[in-house]
């Protein structure tokens, strides 16, 4: 056991030593030319078919998802969509609801990708995450046992899907194997505008994330943050899991934590990406009465009481996001402060 920890320590030192050797360019970054594109990141759909609700609207989850697919096809027309983990609630650990999700997703006109979340890591004894990954065959995997991937959905735009899920745990983690892989990918693609999609946020949204809400975060994110800060081509980091709307701009990178369509405020974001900026449209689902129900469920949830035991309704504004998180335009060279994750 002692030798194991010594190996981990040495590997950590190697990674830290290598990071300063990477490019640390400031200011403008030269990308290969790419055409502006439109994308959507949909995390935490939590599709399920049992007769109960909490802050997640399980009973309406399929209707909500089908409605969003319809709007994406008829109104939004994204170039691609990323399903950001927790696609289904997967209560029995056997992906029993995944066929219904795939049937609904097959109606989407745009190409789509998927990453794992904590619900995809909620596994029965005879099931593994690879059972989920192999249902999404868009990628040229090195091995079907690799649950993280790269794609180029737009010419000269690199999309990286990380697996931050840990078997039967709610919080996330990135092990050294995946960090070394990420370092290699970024090192070999310095001239491509890069987007990273991951289920668990690598930054904090509230002081509670350092205390009672650690399950909504990525554990020990320092190595990941140090690593991506060494690569200026990384401009957008997308995540979900926290179910709230939160955006921070740190070191000329946009960290966008996306809300869920099945949890108040029942929104998703249309992201139109240009070489120097990103334009955002915050869109609600179509059902006003369902949104009203979701708001009531949220206020009455244990989650709201954890946020503010004396005034649980205060969680509503937190979920909606502050002004910076609801902006419609961000420039990549803006220097805005954000809350770094601190253990």
Protein backbone atom coordinates (compact mmCIF):
# COMPACT_ATOMS: atom_id res chain seq x y z
CA UNK A 1 0.00 0.00 0.00
CA UNK A 2 2.86 2.36 0.88
CA UNK A 3 4.51 1.69 -2.47
CA UNK A 4 1.22 2.48 -4.25
CA UNK A 5 1.02 5.91 -2.60
CA UNK A 6 4.68 6.56 -3.40
CA UNK A 7 3.99 5.86 -7.08
CA UNK A 8 0.99 8.20 -7.05
CA UNK A 9 3.10 10.90 -5.39
CA UNK A 10 5.86 10.55 -7.99
CA UNK A 11 3.39 10.68 -10.86
CA UNK A 12 1.84 13.81 -9.38
CA UNK A 13 5.25 15.45 -9.17
CA UNK A 14 5.99 14.54 -12.78
CA UNK A 15 2.76 16.14 -13.91
CA UNK A 16 3.44 19.29 -11.91
CA UNK A 17 7.01 19.46 -13.22
CA UNK A 18 5.86 19.07 -16.81
CA UNK A 19 3.14 21.71 -16.64
CA UNK A 20 5.46 24.78 -16.52
CA UNK A 21 7.28 23.43 -19.59
CA UNK A 22 4.16 23.78 -21.70
CA UNK A 23 3.23 26.86 -23.63
CA UNK A 24 2.15 29.70 -21.33
CA UNK A 25 1.24 32.22 -23.98
CA UNK A 26 -0.69 35.27 -22.91
CA UNK A 27 -2.90 37.42 -25.04
CA UNK A 28 -3.99 36.37 -28.50
CA UNK A 29 -4.00 32.71 -29.45
CA UNK A 30 -3.67 31.71 -33.08
CA UNK A 31 -6.17 29.02 -34.10
CA UNK A 32 -6.65 27.37 -37.40
CA UNK A 33 -9.54 29.04 -39.14
CA UNK A 34 -12.97 27.64 -38.26
CA UNK A 35 -16.48 28.59 -39.18
CA UNK A 36 -18.76 29.91 -36.41
CA UNK A 37 -21.01 27.17 -35.10
CA UNK A 38 -23.96 26.58 -32.82
CA UNK A 39 -24.00 23.93 -30.10
CA UNK A 40 -26.07 22.75 -27.14
CA UNK A 41 -24.95 21.02 -23.94
CA UNK A 42 -27.77 19.10 -22.22
CA UNK A 43 -26.83 17.60 -18.85
CA UNK A 44 -28.95 15.96 -16.16
CA UNK A 45 -32.04 15.03 -18.15
CA UNK A 46 -32.50 12.16 -15.66
CA UNK A 47 -35.05 10.37 -17.82
CA UNK A 48 -37.06 7.98 -15.62
CA UNK A 49 -40.42 6.28 -15.51
CA UNK A 50 -41.29 5.94 -11.84
CA UNK A 51 -44.20 7.71 -10.22
CA UNK A 52 -42.50 10.20 -7.93
CA UNK A 53 -40.84 13.60 -8.04
CA UNK A 54 -38.43 15.56 -5.94
CA UNK A 55 -36.62 18.58 -7.32
CA UNK A 56 -36.22 16.48 -10.48
CA UNK A 57 -39.41 16.11 -12.52
CA UNK A 58 -39.18 12.39 -13.21
CA UNK A 59 -42.83 12.02 -14.24
CA UNK A 60 -42.54 14.72 -16.92
CA UNK A 61 -38.96 13.94 -17.94
CA UNK A 62 -39.79 12.19 -21.23
CA UNK A 63 -42.30 14.87 -22.32
CA UNK A 64 -39.79 17.60 -21.49
CA UNK A 65 -36.98 15.86 -23.37
CA UNK A 66 -39.16 15.25 -26.44
CA UNK A 67 -40.24 18.90 -26.40
CA UNK A 68 -36.64 20.12 -26.28
CA UNK A 69 -35.69 17.81 -29.17
CA UNK A 70 -38.57 19.28 -31.17
CA UNK A 71 -37.46 22.84 -30.43
CA UNK A 72 -33.86 22.04 -31.31
CA UNK A 73 -35.02 20.70 -34.67
CA UNK A 74 -37.56 23.39 -35.53
CA UNK A 75 -36.13 26.56 -33.96
CA UNK A 76 -32.55 26.28 -32.73
CA UNK A 77 -30.85 24.15 -35.42
CA UNK A 78 -27.56 23.44 -33.60
CA UNK A 79 -24.60 22.01 -35.48
CA UNK A 80 -24.21 19.40 -32.73
CA UNK A 81 -25.47 18.49 -29.27
CA UNK A 82 -23.63 17.05 -26.27
CA UNK A 83 -25.59 15.05 -23.71
CA UNK A 84 -23.72 15.97 -20.57
CA UNK A 85 -24.15 12.96 -18.31
CA UNK A 86 -27.07 11.71 -16.19
CA UNK A 87 -29.02 11.04 -19.37
CA UNK A 88 -31.29 8.70 -17.43
CA UNK A 89 -31.69 8.28 -13.69
CA UNK A 90 -30.61 4.63 -14.02
CA UNK A 91 -32.08 3.72 -10.66
CA UNK A 92 -31.59 -0.02 -11.02
CA UNK A 93 -28.00 0.36 -12.25
CA UNK A 94 -28.70 -1.58 -15.44
CA UNK A 95 -29.49 1.22 -17.94
CA UNK A 96 -33.07 -0.01 -18.28
CA UNK A 97 -34.30 3.44 -19.34
CA UNK A 98 -31.53 4.03 -21.88
CA UNK A 99 -33.41 2.51 -24.88
CA UNK A 100 -36.22 5.06 -24.40
CA UNK A 101 -33.65 7.86 -24.22
CA UNK A 102 -31.96 6.65 -27.40
CA UNK A 103 -35.28 6.39 -29.23
CA UNK A 104 -36.12 9.99 -28.31
CA UNK A 105 -32.61 11.24 -29.14
CA UNK A 106 -32.72 9.53 -32.54
CA UNK A 107 -35.25 12.17 -33.62
CA UNK A 108 -32.64 14.87 -33.26
CA UNK A 109 -31.57 16.26 -36.64
CA UNK A 110 -28.09 17.24 -35.43
CA UNK A 111 -25.18 14.92 -34.60
CA UNK A 112 -24.89 14.20 -30.89
CA UNK A 113 -22.28 13.03 -28.40
CA UNK A 114 -22.49 11.81 -24.82
CA UNK A 115 -20.38 11.81 -21.68
CA UNK A 116 -20.88 9.91 -18.44
CA UNK A 117 -22.28 11.34 -15.22
CA UNK A 118 -22.73 9.94 -11.74
CA UNK A 119 -25.96 8.17 -12.74
CA UNK A 120 -24.08 6.33 -15.51
CA UNK A 121 -21.68 5.19 -12.76
CA UNK A 122 -24.56 3.94 -10.58
CA UNK A 123 -23.93 0.34 -11.53
CA UNK A 124 -25.25 -3.09 -10.67
CA UNK A 125 -22.65 -5.82 -10.11
CA UNK A 126 -22.81 -7.22 -13.64
CA UNK A 127 -22.90 -3.84 -15.44
CA UNK A 128 -20.10 -1.43 -16.38
CA UNK A 129 -19.87 2.05 -17.88
CA UNK A 130 -18.78 0.52 -21.18
CA UNK A 131 -22.36 -0.81 -21.55
CA UNK A 132 -23.39 2.84 -21.76
CA UNK A 133 -20.53 4.11 -23.94
CA UNK A 134 -20.94 1.48 -26.66
CA UNK A 135 -24.48 2.75 -27.32
CA UNK A 136 -22.89 5.91 -28.74
CA UNK A 137 -20.83 4.79 -31.72
CA UNK A 138 -19.97 8.18 -33.23
CA UNK A 139 -16.41 8.04 -31.93
CA UNK A 140 -13.39 6.12 -33.12
CA UNK A 141 -12.43 4.72 -29.71
CA UNK A 142 -8.95 3.39 -29.17
CA UNK A 143 -10.62 0.79 -27.02
CA UNK A 144 -14.21 0.28 -25.98
CA UNK A 145 -12.97 0.29 -22.39
CA UNK A 146 -12.04 3.97 -22.70
CA UNK A 147 -14.91 6.11 -21.48
CA UNK A 148 -13.41 9.46 -22.52
CA UNK A 149 -12.91 10.64 -26.06
CA UNK A 150 -12.13 13.35 -28.62
CA UNK A 151 -14.06 14.46 -31.68
CA UNK A 152 -13.85 17.20 -34.30
CA UNK A 153 -17.51 18.17 -34.85
CA UNK A 154 -16.45 21.30 -36.77
CA UNK A 155 -13.29 21.50 -38.84
CA UNK A 156 -10.41 22.73 -36.63
CA UNK A 157 -12.55 22.62 -33.48
CA UNK A 158 -11.54 19.97 -30.94
CA UNK A 159 -14.18 18.59 -28.59
CA UNK A 160 -12.94 16.58 -25.61
CA UNK A 161 -15.34 14.47 -23.56
CA UNK A 162 -14.00 13.58 -20.12
CA UNK A 163 -15.28 10.91 -17.76
CA UNK A 164 -15.42 12.43 -14.26
CA UNK A 165 -17.72 9.73 -12.87
CA UNK A 166 -16.74 7.37 -10.07
CA UNK A 167 -18.53 4.07 -9.58
CA UNK A 168 -21.43 4.42 -7.15
CA UNK A 169 -20.38 7.90 -5.98
CA UNK A 170 -22.06 11.25 -6.57
CA UNK A 171 -18.96 13.47 -6.55
CA UNK A 172 -16.53 13.42 -9.46
CA UNK A 173 -12.83 12.74 -9.91
CA UNK A 174 -10.20 12.75 -12.67
CA UNK A 175 -7.46 10.17 -12.17
CA UNK A 176 -3.86 10.60 -13.30
CA UNK A 177 -4.29 8.26 -16.27
CA UNK A 178 -6.97 10.50 -17.74
CA UNK A 179 -5.00 13.67 -16.92
CA UNK A 180 -1.91 12.34 -18.73
CA UNK A 181 -4.12 11.43 -21.70
CA UNK A 182 -5.64 14.95 -21.66
CA UNK A 183 -2.20 16.52 -21.53
CA UNK A 184 -1.11 14.52 -24.57
CA UNK A 185 -4.24 15.45 -26.54
CA UNK A 186 -3.85 19.16 -25.78
CA UNK A 187 -0.14 19.13 -26.52
CA UNK A 188 -0.79 17.69 -29.97
CA UNK A 189 -3.64 20.07 -30.81
CA UNK A 190 -2.38 23.50 -29.81
CA UNK A 191 -3.74 25.12 -32.97
CA UNK A 192 -7.34 23.94 -32.56
CA UNK A 193 -10.02 25.86 -30.69
CA UNK A 194 -10.82 23.47 -27.84
CA UNK A 195 -13.96 22.72 -25.83
CA UNK A 196 -13.94 20.36 -22.85
CA UNK A 197 -17.17 18.66 -21.77
CA UNK A 198 -17.29 17.10 -18.29
CA UNK A 199 -20.16 16.25 -15.98
CA UNK A 200 -18.80 17.57 -12.67
CA UNK A 201 -17.85 21.26 -12.25
CA UNK A 202 -14.17 21.97 -11.60
CA UNK A 203 -14.93 25.33 -9.94
CA UNK A 204 -17.15 26.29 -7.04
CA UNK A 205 -20.44 28.13 -7.38
CA UNK A 206 -21.01 28.87 -3.69
CA UNK A 207 -19.15 28.45 -0.40
CA UNK A 208 -21.37 25.44 0.28
CA UNK A 209 -19.43 23.59 -2.43
CA UNK A 210 -16.43 23.58 -0.10
CA UNK A 211 -18.48 22.18 2.78
CA UNK A 212 -21.79 20.32 2.66
CA UNK A 213 -22.12 20.37 -1.13
CA UNK A 214 -18.85 18.69 -2.09
CA UNK A 215 -20.87 15.95 -3.78
CA UNK A 216 -21.79 18.50 -6.49
CA UNK A 217 -18.16 19.09 -7.45
CA UNK A 218 -15.03 17.54 -8.88
CA UNK A 219 -12.78 16.30 -6.08
CA UNK A 220 -9.20 17.60 -6.10
CA UNK A 221 -9.50 19.64 -9.31
CA UNK A 222 -6.19 21.47 -8.89
CA UNK A 223 -4.21 19.30 -11.32
CA UNK A 224 -6.90 19.63 -13.96
CA UNK A 225 -7.05 23.42 -13.59
CA UNK A 226 -3.26 23.74 -13.68
CA UNK A 227 -3.15 21.56 -16.76
CA UNK A 228 -5.72 23.42 -18.85
CA UNK A 229 -4.24 26.78 -17.80
CA UNK A 230 -1.11 25.68 -19.64
CA UNK A 231 -3.02 25.47 -22.91
CA UNK A 232 -4.49 28.76 -24.17
CA UNK A 233 -6.46 27.01 -26.92
CA UNK A 234 -8.83 25.62 -24.26
CA UNK A 235 -11.57 28.24 -24.21
CA UNK A 236 -14.81 26.58 -23.03
CA UNK A 237 -15.30 24.09 -20.19
CA UNK A 238 -18.86 22.76 -20.03
CA UNK A 239 -20.33 20.90 -17.08
CA UNK A 240 -23.61 20.13 -15.34
CA UNK A 241 -24.38 18.02 -12.24
CA UNK A 242 -25.02 21.02 -9.96
CA UNK A 243 -28.35 21.68 -11.74
CA UNK A 244 -27.80 25.45 -11.51
CA UNK A 245 -26.93 28.21 -14.00
CA UNK A 246 -23.42 29.47 -13.29
CA UNK A 247 -20.72 30.94 -15.55
CA UNK A 248 -17.26 32.19 -14.59
CA UNK A 249 -14.43 33.55 -16.72
CA UNK A 250 -11.02 32.56 -15.37
CA UNK A 251 -7.71 32.97 -17.21
CA UNK A 252 -9.55 33.78 -20.44
CA UNK A 253 -11.51 30.52 -20.23
CA UNK A 254 -15.26 30.24 -19.85
CA UNK A 255 -16.48 27.74 -17.28
CA UNK A 256 -20.18 27.20 -18.04
CA UNK A 257 -22.17 25.12 -15.55
CA UNK A 258 -25.45 24.32 -17.25
CA UNK A 259 -28.88 23.92 -15.62
CA UNK A 260 -31.15 20.94 -16.19
CA UNK A 261 -34.30 20.89 -18.30
CA UNK A 262 -36.00 18.72 -15.64
CA UNK A 263 -35.08 20.87 -12.62
CA UNK A 264 -36.02 24.51 -12.07
CA UNK A 265 -35.23 26.84 -13.87
CA UNK A 266 -35.83 24.20 -16.61
CA UNK A 267 -33.49 25.86 -19.07
CA UNK A 268 -30.86 25.02 -21.64
CA UNK A 269 -28.35 27.20 -23.47
CA UNK A 270 -27.85 27.71 -27.18
CA UNK A 271 -24.16 28.53 -27.60
CA UNK A 272 -23.05 30.24 -30.81
CA UNK A 273 -19.27 30.17 -30.91
CA UNK A 274 -16.95 32.50 -32.83
CA UNK A 275 -13.13 32.71 -32.71
CA UNK A 276 -13.25 35.69 -30.33
CA UNK A 277 -16.59 35.38 -28.55
CA UNK A 278 -19.55 33.25 -27.61
CA UNK A 279 -23.18 34.32 -27.87
CA UNK A 280 -25.64 32.65 -25.51
CA UNK A 281 -29.40 32.24 -25.60
CA UNK A 282 -30.96 30.99 -22.35
CA UNK A 283 -34.07 29.03 -23.32
CA UNK A 284 -36.84 27.64 -21.15
CA UNK A 285 -38.86 24.53 -21.82
CA UNK A 286 -42.32 25.11 -23.32
CA UNK A 287 -44.52 24.09 -20.38
CA UNK A 288 -45.38 26.97 -18.04
CA UNK A 289 -47.30 24.84 -15.54
CA UNK A 290 -44.52 22.27 -15.40
CA UNK A 291 -42.01 25.06 -14.71
CA UNK A 292 -44.29 26.31 -11.94
CA UNK A 293 -44.40 22.81 -10.44
CA UNK A 294 -40.61 22.50 -10.70
CA UNK A 295 -40.16 25.77 -8.81
CA UNK A 296 -42.46 24.60 -6.00
CA UNK A 297 -40.69 21.23 -5.83
CA UNK A 298 -37.32 22.95 -5.65
CA UNK A 299 -38.32 25.27 -2.79
CA UNK A 300 -39.72 22.32 -0.83
CA UNK A 301 -36.66 20.12 -1.40
CA UNK A 302 -33.91 19.21 1.05
CA UNK A 303 -31.53 20.84 -1.45
CA UNK A 304 -33.22 24.23 -0.85
CA UNK A 305 -33.08 23.75 2.92
CA UNK A 306 -29.39 22.94 2.68
CA UNK A 307 -28.89 26.14 0.72
CA UNK A 308 -30.72 28.29 3.28
CA UNK A 309 -32.53 26.60 6.16
CA UNK A 310 -34.30 29.80 7.23
CA UNK A 311 -35.25 30.96 3.75
CA UNK A 312 -35.24 27.98 1.34
CA UNK A 313 -36.91 30.05 -1.39
CA UNK A 314 -33.58 31.91 -1.74
CA UNK A 315 -32.38 28.93 -3.75
CA UNK A 316 -34.52 30.13 -6.69
CA UNK A 317 -32.20 33.03 -7.52
CA UNK A 318 -29.17 30.80 -7.10
CA UNK A 319 -30.60 28.31 -9.61
CA UNK A 320 -31.46 31.08 -12.08
CA UNK A 321 -27.94 32.50 -11.93
CA UNK A 322 -26.60 35.97 -11.30
CA UNK A 323 -26.27 38.62 -13.99
CA UNK A 324 -22.88 37.43 -15.26
CA UNK A 325 -24.21 33.90 -15.66
CA UNK A 326 -27.14 35.17 -17.72
CA UNK A 327 -25.16 37.34 -20.12
CA UNK A 328 -25.86 36.88 -23.80
CA UNK A 329 -22.33 37.59 -25.00
CA UNK A 330 -18.84 36.79 -23.69
CA UNK A 331 -15.48 37.72 -25.22
CA UNK A 332 -12.61 35.33 -24.70
CA UNK A 333 -10.13 38.11 -23.95
CA UNK A 334 -12.24 39.53 -21.10
CA UNK A 335 -10.57 39.16 -17.72
CA UNK A 336 -13.33 38.49 -15.23
CA UNK A 337 -12.72 36.95 -11.84
CA UNK A 338 -14.38 33.73 -10.79
CA UNK A 339 -14.39 31.46 -7.77
CA UNK A 340 -11.61 28.92 -8.08
CA UNK A 341 -12.26 25.62 -6.36
CA UNK A 342 -10.40 25.50 -3.06
CA UNK A 343 -10.38 22.45 -0.80
